[in-house]
Amino acid sequence: MADTELTTLLHVLNGKREHVLGILEGLDEEALRRPVLPSGWTCLGLVHHLALDDEKFWFRAVAAGEQGAIEEILGSGDDAWRPAPEKTPEEIFALYRREGELADTFLAGADLDAAPNWWPDFFADWRYDNLREIVLHVITETATHAGHLDAVRELVDGRQRLVVP
C-alpha cells in the first residue's frame, strides 16, 4: 500500500495518542486526580479534555457533522477538563481510546481537502477551511498536551518518557 498524506497524518496522530496514554501508565488514581500545576488541571482531566474537546469535537462534530456528537457538545454544558468524580481512570482512558477509534474510522475514507460538515457559531468569523487543517490542529493539541503530561509525570515521580532508567 502506497503511503499517502492521510496515512502519514494518522500515523503521527496515533503516535501522539499513544504518548498521552503511555506517559500515564503506572500512575495510581490519586496521582491521576491530583492537580500539580497552579492552573489546577489533572492528568485525568486533560485526557478527558482530549477525548471530548479534541477527538469528539473536531472529528465527529466539526469534520464529520455527526448530529449526535453536535447535540452532545452543544447540550452538555460540562467542563471537559473536570470529569465527574465517579468516572474511573479506566473509563476516561477507554473514552479517549474510543473517540480516537471513531475518529480514525471517519478519517480512513475522508478527503483532506473537504470542508468541515459543521462549524459552531461561537467561533464567529474564524474557521478551518478543510479536514487537513483540522487534523493538523488535533495533532498539535495532542502533542502539546502530551508534553504537559511529560512535565507533570516528572514532577509526580521523576519518570521521564524518553530516558531509560
Protein backbone atom coordinates (compact mmCIF):
# COMPACT_ATOMS: atom_id res chain seq x y z
CA MET A 1 0.00 0.00 0.00
CA ALA A 2 1.42 3.35 -1.04
CA ASP A 3 2.00 5.88 1.72
CA THR A 4 -0.36 8.82 1.50
CA GLU A 5 -0.60 12.14 3.26
CA LEU A 6 -3.58 10.90 5.25
CA THR A 7 -1.76 7.70 6.24
CA THR A 8 1.17 9.79 7.43
CA LEU A 9 -1.01 12.19 9.39
CA LEU A 10 -2.88 9.32 11.06
CA HIS A 11 0.40 7.63 11.94
CA VAL A 12 1.64 10.82 13.63
CA LEU A 13 -1.68 11.38 15.43
CA ASN A 14 -1.78 7.82 16.70
CA GLY A 15 1.78 8.16 17.97
CA LYS A 16 0.77 11.24 19.97
CA ARG A 17 -2.31 9.45 21.33
CA GLU A 18 -0.08 6.58 22.49
CA HIS A 19 2.29 9.10 24.08
CA VAL A 20 -0.59 10.59 26.10
CA LEU A 21 -1.65 7.21 27.46
CA GLY A 22 1.87 5.82 27.78
CA ILE A 23 3.23 8.60 29.97
CA LEU A 24 0.40 7.96 32.44
CA GLU A 25 0.98 4.20 32.74
CA GLY A 26 1.69 3.15 36.29
CA LEU A 27 0.27 6.23 38.00
CA ASP A 28 -2.25 5.45 40.71
CA GLU A 29 -5.66 7.11 40.88
CA GLU A 30 -4.56 9.65 43.46
CA ALA A 31 -1.75 10.87 41.21
CA LEU A 32 -4.04 10.92 38.17
CA ARG A 33 -6.56 13.10 40.03
CA ARG A 34 -4.06 15.38 41.78
CA PRO A 35 -3.55 18.85 40.33
CA VAL A 36 0.19 19.50 40.05
CA LEU A 37 0.31 22.88 38.32
CA PRO A 38 -1.23 26.13 39.63
CA SER A 39 -3.95 26.09 36.95
CA GLY A 40 -5.47 23.08 38.71
CA TRP A 41 -5.94 20.63 35.87
CA THR A 42 -5.35 16.94 36.48
CA CYS A 43 -3.98 14.20 34.26
CA LEU A 44 -7.44 12.62 34.05
CA GLY A 45 -8.96 16.00 33.26
CA LEU A 46 -6.51 16.50 30.43
CA VAL A 47 -7.24 13.08 28.91
CA HIS A 48 -10.99 13.75 29.26
CA HIS A 49 -10.48 17.11 27.54
CA LEU A 50 -8.61 15.44 24.67
CA ALA A 51 -11.40 12.88 24.26
CA LEU A 52 -14.24 15.39 24.19
CA ASP A 53 -12.83 18.76 23.12
CA ASP A 54 -10.42 17.42 20.53
CA GLU A 55 -11.30 13.96 19.21
CA LYS A 56 -15.08 14.15 19.51
CA PHE A 57 -15.48 17.87 18.83
CA TRP A 58 -13.10 18.27 15.89
CA PHE A 59 -13.58 14.94 14.15
CA ARG A 60 -17.09 13.71 14.91
CA ALA A 61 -18.84 17.07 15.24
CA VAL A 62 -16.95 19.58 13.08
CA ALA A 63 -15.37 17.42 10.37
CA ALA A 64 -18.00 14.67 10.06
CA GLY A 65 -21.02 16.77 11.06
CA GLU A 66 -22.30 13.87 13.17
CA GLN A 67 -25.58 15.18 14.57
CA GLY A 68 -25.43 13.18 17.80
CA ALA A 69 -21.95 14.48 18.60
CA ILE A 70 -23.00 18.05 17.82
CA GLU A 71 -26.04 17.79 20.10
CA GLU A 72 -23.98 16.27 22.91
CA ILE A 73 -21.37 19.02 22.65
CA LEU A 74 -23.86 21.87 22.49
CA GLY A 75 -26.10 20.44 25.18
CA SER A 76 -23.60 19.13 27.68
CA GLY A 77 -22.54 22.29 29.48
CA ASP A 78 -19.82 20.10 31.02
CA ASP A 79 -16.30 21.21 31.67
CA ALA A 80 -14.31 18.52 29.89
CA TRP A 81 -11.28 19.44 32.00
CA ARG A 82 -13.14 18.34 35.14
CA PRO A 83 -14.63 14.88 34.63
CA ALA A 84 -17.25 13.71 37.09
CA PRO A 85 -15.57 12.23 40.18
CA GLU A 86 -17.46 8.96 39.74
CA LYS A 87 -15.74 8.37 36.39
CA THR A 88 -12.88 5.95 36.91
CA PRO A 89 -9.49 6.36 35.25
CA GLU A 90 -10.24 3.23 33.22
CA GLU A 91 -13.49 4.79 31.93
CA ILE A 92 -11.74 8.02 30.96
CA PHE A 93 -8.90 6.20 29.20
CA ALA A 94 -11.46 3.97 27.42
CA LEU A 95 -13.41 7.08 26.34
CA TYR A 96 -10.24 8.58 24.88
CA ARG A 97 -9.38 5.37 23.03
CA ARG A 98 -12.96 5.03 21.75
CA GLU A 99 -13.11 8.62 20.47
CA GLY A 100 -9.78 8.04 18.72
CA GLU A 101 -11.15 4.87 17.10
CA LEU A 102 -14.30 6.67 15.96
CA ALA A 103 -12.18 9.50 14.55
CA ASP A 104 -9.92 7.03 12.74
CA THR A 105 -12.96 5.30 11.21
CA PHE A 106 -14.21 8.61 9.84
CA LEU A 107 -10.75 9.70 8.69
CA ALA A 108 -9.98 6.41 6.92
CA GLY A 109 -12.19 7.32 3.99
CA ALA A 110 -12.06 11.09 4.24
CA ASP A 111 -10.85 13.68 1.77
CA LEU A 112 -8.31 16.03 3.36
CA ASP A 113 -9.49 18.82 1.06
CA ALA A 114 -13.12 18.51 2.20
CA ALA A 115 -14.67 21.40 4.06
CA PRO A 116 -15.98 20.81 7.59
CA ASN A 117 -19.54 19.50 7.65
CA TRP A 118 -20.45 21.71 10.62
CA TRP A 119 -18.97 24.87 12.09
CA PRO A 120 -20.00 26.20 15.51
CA ASP A 121 -21.38 29.74 15.68
CA PHE A 122 -19.26 30.52 18.74
CA PHE A 123 -16.13 30.75 16.55
CA ALA A 124 -17.61 33.77 14.76
CA ASP A 125 -15.50 34.58 11.67
CA TRP A 126 -12.57 32.26 12.42
CA ARG A 127 -12.59 28.82 10.78
CA TYR A 128 -10.62 25.98 9.32
CA ASP A 129 -11.22 25.51 5.61
CA ASN A 130 -10.59 21.79 5.27
CA LEU A 131 -10.05 18.49 7.06
CA ARG A 132 -6.26 18.74 6.66
CA GLU A 133 -6.22 21.86 8.85
CA ILE A 134 -8.41 20.11 11.43
CA VAL A 135 -6.16 17.03 11.56
CA LEU A 136 -3.07 19.22 11.94
CA HIS A 137 -4.81 21.16 14.72
CA VAL A 138 -5.64 17.96 16.65
CA ILE A 139 -2.09 16.66 16.18
CA THR A 140 -0.75 19.94 17.57
CA GLU A 141 -3.18 19.91 20.51
CA THR A 142 -2.42 16.29 21.33
CA ALA A 143 1.35 16.77 21.08
CA THR A 144 1.19 19.91 23.22
CA HIS A 145 -0.81 18.15 25.91
CA ALA A 146 1.47 15.10 25.75
CA GLY A 147 4.30 17.48 26.62
CA HIS A 148 2.30 18.85 29.52
CA LEU A 149 1.81 15.29 30.77
CA ASP A 150 5.54 14.60 30.42
CA ALA A 151 6.31 17.57 32.70
CA VAL A 152 3.65 16.60 35.23
CA ARG A 153 4.80 12.98 35.31
CA GLU A 154 8.35 14.09 36.03
CA LEU A 155 7.10 16.31 38.85
CA VAL A 156 4.99 13.48 40.31
CA ASP A 157 7.53 10.67 40.40
CA GLY A 158 10.58 11.63 38.35
CA ARG A 159 9.74 9.42 35.37
CA GLN A 160 10.91 10.76 32.04
CA ARG A 161 9.40 9.21 28.92
CA LEU A 162 12.49 9.10 26.74
CA VAL A 163 15.04 8.42 29.45
CA VAL A 164 15.82 4.78 30.15
CA PRO A 165 16.22 4.18 33.91
